[in-house]
């Protein structure tokens, strides 16, 4: 049930870098971990050439799925701006 993400395509890497610089004022950071999102293996099997941007907003003291769960709204706003930028870049790339 595991999944290993494919290498990031150059267009996506450039888009993520641009988005991160605009929203956070610093370059994009990549992180892999041993956790699992069960449906990623299925998506990877169905769409072997696809690029995936998997992200989250958890941080220290988030208390994910527990009492007093916390979401840092400013971070979430910036992350949403990054996702919107990547979608825009993909649109322009795909529409030629």
N, C-alpha and C. Protein backbone atom coordinates (compact mmCIF):
# COMPACT_ATOMS: atom_id res chain seq x y z
N UNK A 1 0.82 -1.20 0.00
CA UNK A 1 0.00 0.00 0.00
C UNK A 1 0.86 1.26 0.00
N UNK A 2 2.17 1.11 -0.09
CA UNK A 2 3.04 2.28 -0.10
C UNK A 2 3.05 2.98 -1.45
N UNK A 3 3.64 4.14 -1.48
CA UNK A 3 3.72 4.92 -2.71
C UNK A 3 4.97 5.77 -2.66
N UNK A 4 5.68 5.84 -3.78
CA UNK A 4 6.87 6.67 -3.90
C UNK A 4 6.59 7.73 -4.96
N UNK A 5 6.61 8.98 -4.57
CA UNK A 5 6.30 10.06 -5.50
C UNK A 5 7.32 10.12 -6.62
N UNK A 6 6.86 10.40 -7.84
CA UNK A 6 7.80 10.57 -8.95
C UNK A 6 8.60 11.85 -8.77
N UNK A 7 9.70 11.96 -9.50
CA UNK A 7 10.47 13.21 -9.48
C UNK A 7 9.57 14.36 -9.91
N UNK A 8 9.83 15.52 -9.35
CA UNK A 8 9.05 16.71 -9.68
C UNK A 8 9.46 17.19 -11.07
N UNK A 9 8.49 17.38 -11.94
CA UNK A 9 8.75 17.87 -13.29
C UNK A 9 9.31 19.28 -13.24
N UNK A 10 10.19 19.64 -14.17
CA UNK A 10 10.78 20.99 -14.16
C UNK A 10 9.75 22.11 -14.14
N UNK A 11 8.65 21.98 -14.90
CA UNK A 11 7.65 23.05 -14.91
C UNK A 11 7.01 23.22 -13.54
N UNK A 12 6.76 22.09 -12.84
CA UNK A 12 6.12 22.15 -11.53
C UNK A 12 7.09 22.70 -10.50
N UNK A 13 8.35 22.29 -10.58
CA UNK A 13 9.35 22.82 -9.66
C UNK A 13 9.46 24.34 -9.81
N UNK A 14 9.50 24.83 -11.05
CA UNK A 14 9.58 26.28 -11.28
C UNK A 14 8.33 26.99 -10.76
N UNK A 15 7.17 26.39 -10.98
CA UNK A 15 5.92 26.98 -10.51
C UNK A 15 5.87 27.04 -8.99
N UNK A 16 6.26 25.95 -8.34
CA UNK A 16 6.28 25.92 -6.87
C UNK A 16 7.27 26.93 -6.31
N UNK A 17 8.42 27.06 -6.95
CA UNK A 17 9.42 28.04 -6.50
C UNK A 17 8.86 29.45 -6.61
N UNK A 18 8.26 29.77 -7.74
CA UNK A 18 7.68 31.10 -7.94
C UNK A 18 6.59 31.37 -6.92
N UNK A 19 5.72 30.40 -6.71
CA UNK A 19 4.61 30.56 -5.77
C UNK A 19 5.11 30.74 -4.34
N UNK A 20 6.10 29.95 -3.96
CA UNK A 20 6.63 30.04 -2.59
C UNK A 20 7.32 31.38 -2.36
N UNK A 21 8.08 31.83 -3.35
CA UNK A 21 8.74 33.13 -3.21
C UNK A 21 7.71 34.25 -3.06
N UNK A 22 6.65 34.19 -3.86
CA UNK A 22 5.62 35.24 -3.81
C UNK A 22 4.86 35.22 -2.49
N UNK A 23 4.50 34.05 -2.00
CA UNK A 23 3.65 33.96 -0.81
C UNK A 23 4.43 34.01 0.49
N UNK A 24 5.58 33.32 0.52
CA UNK A 24 6.32 33.18 1.77
C UNK A 24 7.64 33.95 1.80
N UNK A 25 8.07 34.45 0.64
CA UNK A 25 9.34 35.17 0.59
C UNK A 25 10.55 34.27 0.70
N UNK A 26 10.38 33.00 0.43
CA UNK A 26 11.51 32.05 0.43
C UNK A 26 11.19 30.89 -0.50
N UNK A 27 12.23 30.14 -0.83
CA UNK A 27 12.09 29.07 -1.80
C UNK A 27 11.25 27.91 -1.30
N UNK A 28 10.79 27.12 -2.27
CA UNK A 28 10.00 25.93 -1.97
C UNK A 28 10.86 24.92 -1.21
N UNK A 29 10.23 24.15 -0.37
CA UNK A 29 10.91 23.09 0.38
C UNK A 29 10.16 21.79 0.13
N UNK A 30 10.92 20.72 -0.04
CA UNK A 30 10.33 19.40 -0.25
C UNK A 30 10.65 18.53 0.95
N UNK A 31 9.71 17.66 1.30
CA UNK A 31 9.92 16.76 2.43
C UNK A 31 9.21 15.45 2.13
N UNK A 32 9.88 14.38 2.39
CA UNK A 32 9.24 13.07 2.31
C UNK A 32 9.23 12.45 3.69
N UNK A 33 8.27 11.62 3.94
CA UNK A 33 8.23 10.95 5.23
C UNK A 33 7.60 9.59 5.07
N UNK A 34 7.74 8.78 6.06
CA UNK A 34 7.28 7.40 5.99
C UNK A 34 5.79 7.22 6.18
N UNK A 35 5.07 8.29 6.45
CA UNK A 35 3.63 8.17 6.63
C UNK A 35 2.96 7.80 5.32
N UNK A 36 1.70 7.55 5.38
CA UNK A 36 1.00 7.13 4.17
C UNK A 36 -0.33 7.85 4.04
N UNK A 37 -0.67 8.12 2.81
CA UNK A 37 -2.01 8.56 2.46
C UNK A 37 -2.52 7.45 1.56
N UNK A 38 -3.37 6.57 2.07
CA UNK A 38 -3.68 5.32 1.38
C UNK A 38 -4.07 5.44 -0.08
N UNK A 39 -4.81 6.46 -0.46
CA UNK A 39 -5.26 6.52 -1.85
C UNK A 39 -4.20 7.02 -2.81
N UNK A 40 -3.04 7.48 -2.33
CA UNK A 40 -2.00 7.95 -3.25
C UNK A 40 -1.46 6.82 -4.11
N UNK A 41 -1.31 5.63 -3.56
CA UNK A 41 -0.84 4.50 -4.36
C UNK A 41 -1.83 4.20 -5.48
N UNK A 42 -3.11 4.27 -5.18
CA UNK A 42 -4.14 4.04 -6.19
C UNK A 42 -4.07 5.12 -7.28
N UNK A 43 -3.98 6.38 -6.88
CA UNK A 43 -3.89 7.46 -7.86
C UNK A 43 -2.64 7.32 -8.71
N UNK A 44 -1.52 6.97 -8.08
CA UNK A 44 -0.28 6.77 -8.82
C UNK A 44 -0.39 5.64 -9.83
N UNK A 45 -1.10 4.58 -9.47
CA UNK A 45 -1.31 3.46 -10.40
C UNK A 45 -2.21 3.87 -11.57
N UNK A 46 -3.27 4.61 -11.28
CA UNK A 46 -4.20 5.02 -12.33
C UNK A 46 -3.62 6.11 -13.23
N UNK A 47 -2.78 6.96 -12.67
CA UNK A 47 -2.23 8.10 -13.41
C UNK A 47 -0.71 8.13 -13.27
N UNK A 48 0.00 7.18 -13.89
CA UNK A 48 1.44 7.04 -13.67
C UNK A 48 2.27 8.22 -14.17
N UNK A 49 1.76 9.01 -15.08
CA UNK A 49 2.51 10.16 -15.60
C UNK A 49 2.14 11.47 -14.89
N UNK A 50 1.22 11.40 -13.95
CA UNK A 50 0.73 12.62 -13.28
C UNK A 50 1.74 13.15 -12.27
N UNK A 51 1.68 14.45 -12.08
CA UNK A 51 2.43 15.11 -11.02
C UNK A 51 1.45 15.37 -9.88
N UNK A 52 1.90 15.17 -8.67
CA UNK A 52 1.05 15.38 -7.50
C UNK A 52 1.68 16.44 -6.61
N UNK A 53 0.86 17.34 -6.12
CA UNK A 53 1.29 18.32 -5.14
C UNK A 53 0.52 18.00 -3.87
N UNK A 54 1.19 17.37 -2.94
CA UNK A 54 0.55 16.95 -1.69
C UNK A 54 1.07 17.89 -0.60
N UNK A 55 0.17 18.51 0.09
CA UNK A 55 0.58 19.53 1.04
C UNK A 55 -0.34 19.51 2.25
N UNK A 56 0.03 20.23 3.25
CA UNK A 56 -0.77 20.31 4.46
C UNK A 56 -0.42 21.54 5.26
N UNK A 57 -1.18 21.77 6.29
CA UNK A 57 -0.99 22.98 7.08
C UNK A 57 -0.70 22.67 8.55
N UNK A 58 -0.28 21.46 8.83
CA UNK A 58 0.01 21.12 10.22
C UNK A 58 1.37 21.66 10.63
N UNK A 59 1.48 22.03 11.88
CA UNK A 59 2.73 22.50 12.43
C UNK A 59 2.77 22.22 13.91
N UNK A 60 3.80 22.73 14.57
CA UNK A 60 3.88 22.53 16.02
C UNK A 60 2.61 23.04 16.71
N UNK A 61 2.15 22.30 17.65
CA UNK A 61 0.97 22.65 18.45
C UNK A 61 -0.34 22.63 17.66
N UNK A 62 -0.36 21.97 16.50
CA UNK A 62 -1.60 21.89 15.71
C UNK A 62 -2.62 20.97 16.35
N UNK A 63 -2.15 20.00 17.13
CA UNK A 63 -3.05 19.03 17.77
C UNK A 63 -3.98 18.39 16.75
N UNK A 64 -3.40 17.91 15.65
CA UNK A 64 -4.21 17.34 14.57
C UNK A 64 -5.14 16.24 15.08
N UNK A 65 -6.40 16.35 14.73
CA UNK A 65 -7.42 15.37 15.08
C UNK A 65 -7.56 15.16 16.58
N UNK A 66 -7.21 16.19 17.36
CA UNK A 66 -7.30 16.07 18.81
C UNK A 66 -7.97 17.30 19.41
N UNK A 67 -7.98 17.35 20.74
CA UNK A 67 -8.58 18.50 21.42
C UNK A 67 -7.88 19.80 21.03
N UNK A 68 -8.64 20.84 20.88
CA UNK A 68 -8.11 22.16 20.55
C UNK A 68 -7.29 22.16 19.27
N UNK A 69 -7.77 21.42 18.26
CA UNK A 69 -7.08 21.41 16.97
C UNK A 69 -6.94 22.85 16.49
N UNK A 70 -5.78 23.17 15.91
CA UNK A 70 -5.44 24.55 15.59
C UNK A 70 -5.00 24.67 14.14
N UNK A 71 -5.50 25.66 13.44
CA UNK A 71 -5.10 25.96 12.08
C UNK A 71 -4.61 27.40 12.04
N UNK A 72 -3.37 27.60 11.63
CA UNK A 72 -2.80 28.94 11.52
C UNK A 72 -3.34 29.57 10.23
N UNK A 73 -4.27 30.51 10.37
CA UNK A 73 -5.00 31.04 9.22
C UNK A 73 -4.10 31.76 8.22
N UNK A 74 -3.12 32.51 8.68
CA UNK A 74 -2.24 33.22 7.75
C UNK A 74 -1.41 32.23 6.92
N UNK A 75 -0.93 31.17 7.55
CA UNK A 75 -0.19 30.14 6.81
C UNK A 75 -1.11 29.48 5.79
N UNK A 76 -2.33 29.16 6.19
CA UNK A 76 -3.29 28.53 5.28
C UNK A 76 -3.60 29.44 4.10
N UNK A 77 -3.72 30.74 4.33
CA UNK A 77 -3.98 31.70 3.26
C UNK A 77 -2.82 31.69 2.26
N UNK A 78 -1.60 31.71 2.77
CA UNK A 78 -0.42 31.69 1.89
C UNK A 78 -0.33 30.38 1.11
N UNK A 79 -0.64 29.29 1.77
CA UNK A 79 -0.62 27.99 1.08
C UNK A 79 -1.66 27.97 -0.03
N UNK A 80 -2.85 28.50 0.23
CA UNK A 80 -3.88 28.57 -0.81
C UNK A 80 -3.42 29.42 -1.99
N UNK A 81 -2.69 30.49 -1.72
CA UNK A 81 -2.16 31.33 -2.80
C UNK A 81 -1.17 30.53 -3.65
N UNK A 82 -0.36 29.70 -3.01
CA UNK A 82 0.58 28.85 -3.74
C UNK A 82 -0.15 27.86 -4.63
N UNK A 83 -1.16 27.21 -4.09
CA UNK A 83 -1.94 26.24 -4.87
C UNK A 83 -2.58 26.94 -6.07
N UNK A 84 -3.14 28.13 -5.85
CA UNK A 84 -3.77 28.87 -6.95
C UNK A 84 -2.74 29.21 -8.03
N UNK A 85 -1.53 29.59 -7.63
CA UNK A 85 -0.48 29.91 -8.60
C UNK A 85 -0.12 28.70 -9.44
N UNK A 86 0.02 27.55 -8.80
CA UNK A 86 0.35 26.32 -9.54
C UNK A 86 -0.77 25.96 -10.51
N UNK A 87 -2.01 26.10 -10.09
CA UNK A 87 -3.13 25.82 -10.99
C UNK A 87 -3.10 26.78 -12.18
N UNK A 88 -2.84 28.05 -11.93
CA UNK A 88 -2.76 29.02 -13.02
C UNK A 88 -1.62 28.66 -13.98
N UNK A 89 -0.45 28.34 -13.44
CA UNK A 89 0.69 27.98 -14.28
C UNK A 89 0.39 26.73 -15.10
N UNK A 90 -0.27 25.76 -14.49
CA UNK A 90 -0.62 24.54 -15.22
C UNK A 90 -1.61 24.86 -16.34
N UNK A 91 -2.57 25.72 -16.08
CA UNK A 91 -3.53 26.12 -17.11
C UNK A 91 -2.80 26.74 -18.30
N UNK A 92 -1.90 27.69 -18.03
CA UNK A 92 -1.19 28.36 -19.12
C UNK A 92 -0.29 27.38 -19.88
N UNK A 93 0.30 26.45 -19.15
CA UNK A 93 1.16 25.44 -19.78
C UNK A 93 0.33 24.52 -20.67
N UNK A 94 -0.82 24.10 -20.17
CA UNK A 94 -1.66 23.15 -20.91
C UNK A 94 -2.38 23.79 -22.09
N UNK A 95 -2.68 25.08 -21.98
CA UNK A 95 -3.44 25.73 -23.05
C UNK A 95 -2.53 26.36 -24.10
N UNK A 96 -1.23 26.24 -23.87
CA UNK A 96 -0.25 26.59 -24.87
C UNK A 96 0.07 27.99 -25.09
